[in-house]
Amino acid sequence: MMGFLLPVSGMAMNEEPVEFIRLITEQVLSEFGSTPEMKSDTNRLHAMIEDRVSPNIDYRRLSMLTLGKYWKTASQAQREQFTRNFRRLLVKTYATSLSQYTDHSIDYQLLKKAAKGGRATVRAKLNSSSGVPIVVDYRLHHAGAQWKIYDLTIEGVSLAVNYRSSFKEEISRYGLDGLIQHLDDRVSQ
């Protein structure tokens, strides 16, 4: 579910966080909805995600949060390889979720904004046909002149923490290089 709510194309930092999430989510859903062939064209869907969604995500910070203590001991090369492969995994996951998306209404709400404006949390509530809403909280920060997403929580579970716990066992068994290779293999399939 996390994929279809991620935003597209960067917006100026002066945009309020709620409008940032709302406008870019609507843009990606509109483009996806107006291009039905994208559902079955994986390459085209991945390219759209890279062009429209990825510029709004701070993959380095998300990777750092995901690896936790392992980030501190990783070499620069390992950090870069992990970030690149993790990004590819998230794009693939997003594409899968987006290809299964059906039209639902979304409500947005500002949960938190730091007094100095450097961080914010925006809640998006997807009103599903089952009647049970799906709640996604975006954690954002200013990066240069725009907002960037550095984590999101789906139904109370942080993306970074969820992946951290699943990657921890793999790192324990195969080391960080083993995890990086496994991610590469996984997204190359």
Protein backbone atom coordinates (compact mmCIF):
# COMPACT_ATOMS: atom_id res chain seq x y z
CA MET A 1 0.00 0.00 0.00
CA MET A 2 2.87 2.37 0.60
CA GLY A 3 3.59 2.86 -3.04
CA PHE A 4 0.53 4.54 -4.44
CA LEU A 5 0.62 7.42 -1.96
CA LEU A 6 4.16 8.55 -2.56
CA PRO A 7 4.44 11.97 -4.13
CA VAL A 8 5.91 13.11 -7.41
CA SER A 9 8.01 16.02 -8.71
CA GLY A 10 9.63 18.40 -6.25
CA MET A 11 7.90 21.52 -5.06
CA ALA A 12 9.26 24.68 -3.51
CA MET A 13 9.94 24.67 0.21
CA ASN A 14 7.44 27.48 0.75
CA GLU A 15 4.62 25.06 -0.09
CA GLU A 16 2.92 23.93 3.06
CA PRO A 17 3.61 20.25 3.78
CA VAL A 18 -0.03 19.18 3.36
CA GLU A 19 -0.28 20.88 -0.04
CA PHE A 20 3.06 19.37 -1.05
CA ILE A 21 1.79 15.84 -0.35
CA ARG A 22 -1.69 16.49 -1.77
CA LEU A 23 -0.60 18.10 -5.04
CA ILE A 24 2.09 15.66 -5.94
CA THR A 25 -0.02 12.63 -4.99
CA GLU A 26 -2.81 13.92 -7.20
CA GLN A 27 -0.34 14.49 -10.04
CA VAL A 28 1.02 10.94 -9.96
CA LEU A 29 -2.44 9.39 -9.65
CA SER A 30 -3.68 11.56 -12.52
CA GLU A 31 -0.79 10.59 -14.77
CA PHE A 32 -1.18 6.93 -13.89
CA GLY A 33 -4.94 7.08 -14.44
CA SER A 34 -4.65 8.81 -17.80
CA THR A 35 -2.11 6.28 -19.11
CA PRO A 36 -3.78 2.85 -18.76
CA GLU A 37 -1.01 1.06 -20.65
CA MET A 38 1.35 1.96 -17.80
CA LYS A 39 -0.29 -0.77 -15.68
CA SER A 40 1.18 -3.47 -17.89
CA ASP A 41 4.38 -1.72 -19.02
CA THR A 42 6.80 -2.23 -16.12
CA ASN A 43 9.63 -0.25 -17.72
CA ARG A 44 7.41 2.75 -18.38
CA LEU A 45 5.96 2.59 -14.87
CA HIS A 46 9.43 2.42 -13.28
CA ALA A 47 10.60 5.35 -15.42
CA MET A 48 7.59 7.44 -14.34
CA ILE A 49 8.30 6.64 -10.70
CA GLU A 50 11.97 7.58 -11.05
CA ASP A 51 11.05 10.84 -12.79
CA ARG A 52 8.15 11.90 -10.61
CA VAL A 53 8.42 10.19 -7.22
CA SER A 54 12.10 9.65 -6.50
CA PRO A 55 13.12 13.33 -6.54
CA ASN A 56 10.93 13.82 -3.45
CA ILE A 57 12.50 11.11 -1.33
CA ASP A 58 15.67 11.50 0.69
CA TYR A 59 16.94 7.99 -0.04
CA ARG A 60 20.21 8.56 1.79
CA ARG A 61 18.47 9.54 5.02
CA LEU A 62 15.93 6.73 4.64
CA SER A 63 18.80 4.28 4.08
CA MET A 64 20.61 5.60 7.16
CA LEU A 65 17.46 5.16 9.28
CA THR A 66 16.89 1.69 7.84
CA LEU A 67 20.41 0.40 8.49
CA GLY A 68 20.60 2.03 11.94
CA LYS A 69 23.82 1.03 13.71
CA TYR A 70 25.12 -0.72 10.58
CA TRP A 71 25.24 2.61 8.73
CA LYS A 72 27.92 3.87 11.13
CA THR A 73 30.27 0.99 10.44
CA ALA A 74 29.60 0.74 6.70
CA SER A 75 32.18 2.02 4.26
CA GLN A 76 31.26 4.84 1.89
CA ALA A 77 31.06 2.32 -0.97
CA GLN A 78 28.72 0.06 1.04
CA ARG A 79 26.52 3.03 1.93
CA GLU A 80 26.25 4.06 -1.72
CA GLN A 81 25.57 0.51 -2.93
CA PHE A 82 22.96 -0.09 -0.23
CA THR A 83 21.23 3.22 -0.96
CA ARG A 84 21.16 2.50 -4.71
CA ASN A 85 19.80 -1.05 -4.25
CA PHE A 86 17.32 -0.01 -1.56
CA ARG A 87 16.05 2.74 -3.86
CA ARG A 88 15.56 0.19 -6.64
CA LEU A 89 13.65 -2.08 -4.23
CA LEU A 90 11.37 0.76 -3.15
CA VAL A 91 10.69 1.76 -6.78
CA LYS A 92 9.80 -1.85 -7.59
CA THR A 93 7.53 -2.05 -4.52
CA TYR A 94 5.91 1.26 -5.45
CA ALA A 95 5.28 0.06 -8.99
CA THR A 96 3.61 -3.11 -7.75
CA SER A 97 1.35 -1.14 -5.39
CA LEU A 98 0.51 1.49 -7.97
CA SER A 99 -0.40 -1.11 -10.60
CA GLN A 100 -3.02 -2.46 -8.16
CA TYR A 101 -4.42 0.96 -7.27
CA THR A 102 -8.11 1.65 -7.76
CA ASP A 103 -9.79 5.00 -7.36
CA HIS A 104 -10.26 6.02 -3.70
CA SER A 105 -10.57 9.36 -1.99
CA ILE A 106 -7.71 10.61 0.17
CA ASP A 107 -7.94 13.00 3.13
CA TYR A 108 -4.86 14.96 4.25
CA GLN A 109 -3.98 16.47 7.63
CA LEU A 110 -0.95 18.18 9.14
CA LEU A 111 0.02 16.29 12.29
CA LYS A 112 3.21 18.14 13.24
CA LYS A 113 5.33 20.96 11.99
CA ALA A 114 8.46 22.15 13.76
CA ALA A 115 8.31 25.76 14.93
CA LYS A 116 11.19 26.67 12.63
CA GLY A 117 9.58 24.82 9.74
CA GLY A 118 12.37 22.30 9.13
CA ARG A 119 10.32 19.15 9.73
CA ALA A 120 6.73 18.09 9.37
CA THR A 121 4.48 15.06 9.51
CA VAL A 122 1.51 14.83 7.16
CA ARG A 123 -1.20 12.19 7.45
CA ALA A 124 -2.92 10.82 4.35
CA LYS A 125 -5.97 8.68 4.96
CA LEU A 126 -7.00 6.49 2.03
CA ASN A 127 -10.70 5.79 2.18
CA SER A 128 -10.91 2.29 0.75
CA SER A 129 -13.95 0.55 -0.68
CA SER A 130 -13.93 -1.85 2.29
CA GLY A 131 -14.78 1.09 4.55
CA VAL A 132 -11.59 0.70 6.58
CA PRO A 133 -9.27 3.64 5.90
CA ILE A 134 -5.54 3.10 5.41
CA VAL A 135 -3.45 5.68 7.26
CA VAL A 136 -0.05 6.81 5.98
CA ASP A 137 2.04 9.38 7.85
CA TYR A 138 4.79 11.10 5.86
CA ARG A 139 7.83 12.39 7.74
CA LEU A 140 9.34 15.31 5.83
CA HIS A 141 12.26 17.67 6.19
CA HIS A 142 13.64 20.58 4.23
CA ALA A 143 16.43 19.62 1.89
CA GLY A 144 17.71 22.62 0.02
CA ALA A 145 14.73 24.44 -1.42
CA GLN A 146 12.14 21.66 -1.19
CA TRP A 147 10.46 19.21 1.12
CA LYS A 148 11.79 15.64 1.08
CA ILE A 149 10.24 12.51 2.52
CA TYR A 150 12.65 10.61 4.75
CA ASP A 151 10.28 8.03 6.22
CA LEU A 152 6.66 7.04 6.20
CA THR A 153 4.50 5.10 8.55
CA ILE A 154 1.74 2.83 7.29
CA GLU A 155 -0.87 1.90 9.87
CA GLY A 156 1.60 2.79 12.62
CA VAL A 157 4.59 0.88 11.22
CA SER A 158 7.60 2.89 10.05
CA LEU A 159 8.98 1.89 6.66
CA ALA A 160 12.55 2.33 7.94
CA VAL A 161 11.97 0.32 11.13
CA ASN A 162 10.11 -2.42 9.27
CA TYR A 163 12.94 -2.89 6.78
CA ARG A 164 15.56 -2.55 9.54
CA SER A 165 14.13 -5.51 11.41
CA SER A 166 13.92 -7.65 8.26
CA PHE A 167 17.45 -6.69 7.16
CA LYS A 168 18.98 -7.21 10.63
CA GLU A 169 18.80 -11.01 10.40
CA GLU A 170 20.25 -11.00 6.92
CA ILE A 171 23.15 -8.79 8.00
CA SER A 172 23.78 -11.08 10.99
CA ARG A 173 23.94 -14.13 8.73
CA TYR A 174 25.63 -12.77 5.59
CA GLY A 175 27.08 -9.39 6.51
CA LEU A 176 26.24 -6.04 4.96
CA ASP A 177 27.80 -7.04 1.63
CA GLY A 178 25.54 -10.12 1.58
CA LEU A 179 22.46 -7.95 2.14
CA ILE A 180 23.55 -5.54 -0.59
CA GLN A 181 24.00 -8.44 -3.02
CA HIS A 182 20.66 -9.96 -2.05
CA LEU A 183 18.90 -6.62 -2.70
CA ASP A 184 20.64 -6.38 -6.07
CA ASP A 185 19.54 -9.91 -6.97
CA ARG A 186 16.00 -9.26 -5.76
CA VAL A 187 15.44 -6.12 -7.81
CA SER A 188 17.17 -7.53 -10.89
CA GLN A 189 14.65 -10.38 -11.21
